[in-house]
């Protein structure tokens, strides 16, 4: 993890994408944002990039493989697992089953509901970014 590396977002909703990007810029975060609408192209990017990714944000409900399967694929790949990229779900909806699978089956570092209030979303994202900017991590040295 590089604190100045790209932020990877897997999100298929254009409105959510625009809101996220607007908030990130309002927060003064200068990291490049890499957008993907499905998990396969995001996985290919993670496998081939030499960049140290700062954070992965993924929706849970996506076309093709869902977010849980995407995280499972990352964990199952020794090279990607070693990179220890922080992975956070950011979804419109979460069932108890989704949250349990996220933490138990694939050990994500966070699961958040997007909500509909711009100010609340901004506050939530600010907390997430501050946490990871200050956190020590296997690949942050």
Protein backbone atom coordinates (compact mmCIF):
# COMPACT_ATOMS: atom_id res chain seq x y z
CA UNK A 1 0.00 0.00 0.00
CA UNK A 2 1.25 3.40 -0.94
CA UNK A 3 -0.57 6.29 0.65
CA UNK A 4 -0.07 8.24 -2.57
CA UNK A 5 -0.99 5.31 -4.84
CA UNK A 6 -4.19 5.04 -6.83
CA UNK A 7 -7.59 4.43 -5.32
CA UNK A 8 -9.39 1.60 -7.10
CA UNK A 9 -13.17 1.87 -7.29
CA UNK A 10 -15.44 -0.86 -8.63
CA UNK A 11 -18.83 0.78 -9.12
CA UNK A 12 -21.39 0.34 -11.90
CA UNK A 13 -23.67 3.26 -10.95
CA UNK A 14 -22.67 6.45 -12.77
CA UNK A 15 -24.36 8.75 -10.22
CA UNK A 16 -22.52 7.08 -7.32
CA UNK A 17 -19.28 7.38 -9.26
CA UNK A 18 -19.77 11.13 -9.73
CA UNK A 19 -20.67 11.67 -6.07
CA UNK A 20 -17.65 9.69 -4.88
CA UNK A 21 -15.27 11.55 -7.16
CA UNK A 22 -16.71 14.93 -6.15
CA UNK A 23 -16.30 14.15 -2.45
CA UNK A 24 -12.76 12.84 -2.87
CA UNK A 25 -11.74 16.08 -4.58
CA UNK A 26 -13.56 18.23 -1.97
CA UNK A 27 -11.59 16.39 0.71
CA UNK A 28 -8.37 17.40 -1.06
CA UNK A 29 -7.32 13.83 -1.79
CA UNK A 30 -4.96 13.92 -4.74
CA UNK A 31 -4.62 10.18 -5.37
CA UNK A 32 -5.45 9.05 -8.87
CA UNK A 33 -8.79 7.26 -9.08
CA UNK A 34 -9.04 4.11 -11.20
CA UNK A 35 -12.67 3.33 -12.08
CA UNK A 36 -14.00 -0.06 -13.08
CA UNK A 37 -17.62 -1.04 -13.69
CA UNK A 38 -17.03 -4.76 -13.19
CA UNK A 39 -14.60 -6.91 -11.26
CA UNK A 40 -12.81 -8.69 -14.10
CA UNK A 41 -11.11 -5.55 -15.44
CA UNK A 42 -10.29 -4.42 -11.90
CA UNK A 43 -8.68 -7.80 -11.16
CA UNK A 44 -6.66 -7.58 -14.39
CA UNK A 45 -5.45 -4.11 -13.40
CA UNK A 46 -4.41 -5.30 -9.93
CA UNK A 47 -2.54 -8.25 -11.45
CA UNK A 48 -0.62 -6.20 -14.00
CA UNK A 49 0.04 -2.83 -12.36
CA UNK A 50 3.38 -1.92 -10.84
CA UNK A 51 1.66 0.85 -8.84
CA UNK A 52 1.10 0.34 -5.13
CA UNK A 53 -2.64 0.74 -4.70
CA UNK A 54 -3.73 2.81 -1.69
CA UNK A 55 -7.31 1.48 -1.23
CA UNK A 56 -9.91 -0.62 -3.00
CA UNK A 57 -13.57 0.42 -2.71
CA UNK A 58 -16.04 -2.07 -4.16
CA UNK A 59 -19.76 -2.23 -4.46
CA UNK A 60 -21.13 -5.62 -3.49
CA UNK A 61 -23.73 -5.96 -6.27
CA UNK A 62 -21.93 -5.79 -9.59
CA UNK A 63 -22.39 -7.22 -13.07
CA UNK A 64 -20.62 -10.55 -13.51
CA UNK A 65 -18.84 -11.53 -10.31
CA UNK A 66 -20.10 -9.76 -7.22
CA UNK A 67 -17.87 -7.95 -4.76
CA UNK A 68 -17.56 -10.93 -2.39
CA UNK A 69 -16.31 -13.18 -5.20
CA UNK A 70 -13.93 -10.43 -6.35
CA UNK A 71 -12.39 -10.19 -2.88
CA UNK A 72 -12.23 -13.98 -2.72
CA UNK A 73 -10.30 -14.02 -6.02
CA UNK A 74 -7.85 -11.44 -4.65
CA UNK A 75 -7.31 -13.46 -1.47
CA UNK A 76 -6.83 -16.66 -3.50
CA UNK A 77 -4.05 -15.11 -5.58
CA UNK A 78 -0.74 -15.31 -3.65
CA UNK A 79 0.74 -12.27 -5.42
CA UNK A 80 -2.27 -10.04 -4.75
CA UNK A 81 -2.72 -11.35 -1.21
CA UNK A 82 0.88 -10.40 -0.44
CA UNK A 83 0.19 -6.82 -1.54
CA UNK A 84 -2.30 -6.57 1.37
CA UNK A 85 -4.31 -3.81 -0.29
CA UNK A 86 -6.97 -2.46 2.08
CA UNK A 87 -10.40 -3.50 0.77
CA UNK A 88 -13.62 -1.74 1.74
CA UNK A 89 -17.16 -2.44 0.62
CA UNK A 90 -19.22 0.65 -0.15
CA UNK A 91 -22.71 -0.46 -1.08
CA UNK A 92 -26.23 0.86 -1.32
CA UNK A 93 -27.59 -2.13 0.55
CA UNK A 94 -26.27 -4.82 2.87
CA UNK A 95 -27.95 -7.89 4.23
CA UNK A 96 -26.69 -9.60 7.36
CA UNK A 97 -25.52 -12.46 5.10
CA UNK A 98 -23.49 -10.02 2.94
CA UNK A 99 -21.81 -8.46 5.97
CA UNK A 100 -21.03 -11.84 7.54
CA UNK A 101 -19.54 -13.16 4.28
CA UNK A 102 -17.50 -9.98 3.89
CA UNK A 103 -15.88 -10.26 7.31
CA UNK A 104 -15.73 -14.02 7.78
CA UNK A 105 -15.33 -15.49 4.30
CA UNK A 106 -13.07 -12.86 2.77
CA UNK A 107 -11.92 -10.65 5.68
CA UNK A 108 -12.55 -7.17 4.33
CA UNK A 109 -11.38 -4.13 6.28
CA UNK A 110 -14.72 -2.34 6.21
CA UNK A 111 -18.32 -2.49 5.04
CA UNK A 112 -20.19 0.78 4.68
CA UNK A 113 -23.62 1.79 3.38
CA UNK A 114 -23.50 4.68 0.91
CA UNK A 115 -26.60 6.40 2.21
CA UNK A 116 -28.34 9.26 0.45
CA UNK A 117 -27.17 12.35 2.35
CA UNK A 118 -24.17 13.97 0.65
CA UNK A 119 -22.81 15.39 3.92
CA UNK A 120 -23.00 12.02 5.68
CA UNK A 121 -21.30 10.25 2.77
CA UNK A 122 -18.56 12.89 2.81
CA UNK A 123 -18.05 12.49 6.56
CA UNK A 124 -17.89 8.69 6.23
CA UNK A 125 -15.35 8.83 3.39
CA UNK A 126 -13.27 11.38 5.29
CA UNK A 127 -13.04 8.98 8.25
CA UNK A 128 -12.10 6.06 5.99
CA UNK A 129 -9.34 8.03 4.26
CA UNK A 130 -7.98 9.45 7.51
CA UNK A 131 -7.86 5.98 9.05
CA UNK A 132 -5.90 4.47 6.15
CA UNK A 133 -3.59 7.49 5.80
CA UNK A 134 -2.58 7.01 9.45
CA UNK A 135 -2.62 3.22 9.59
CA UNK A 136 0.55 1.15 9.45
CA UNK A 137 0.26 -1.65 6.97
CA UNK A 138 2.56 -4.45 5.74
CA UNK A 139 3.20 -2.62 2.49
CA UNK A 140 3.30 0.94 3.83
CA UNK A 141 6.99 0.88 4.71
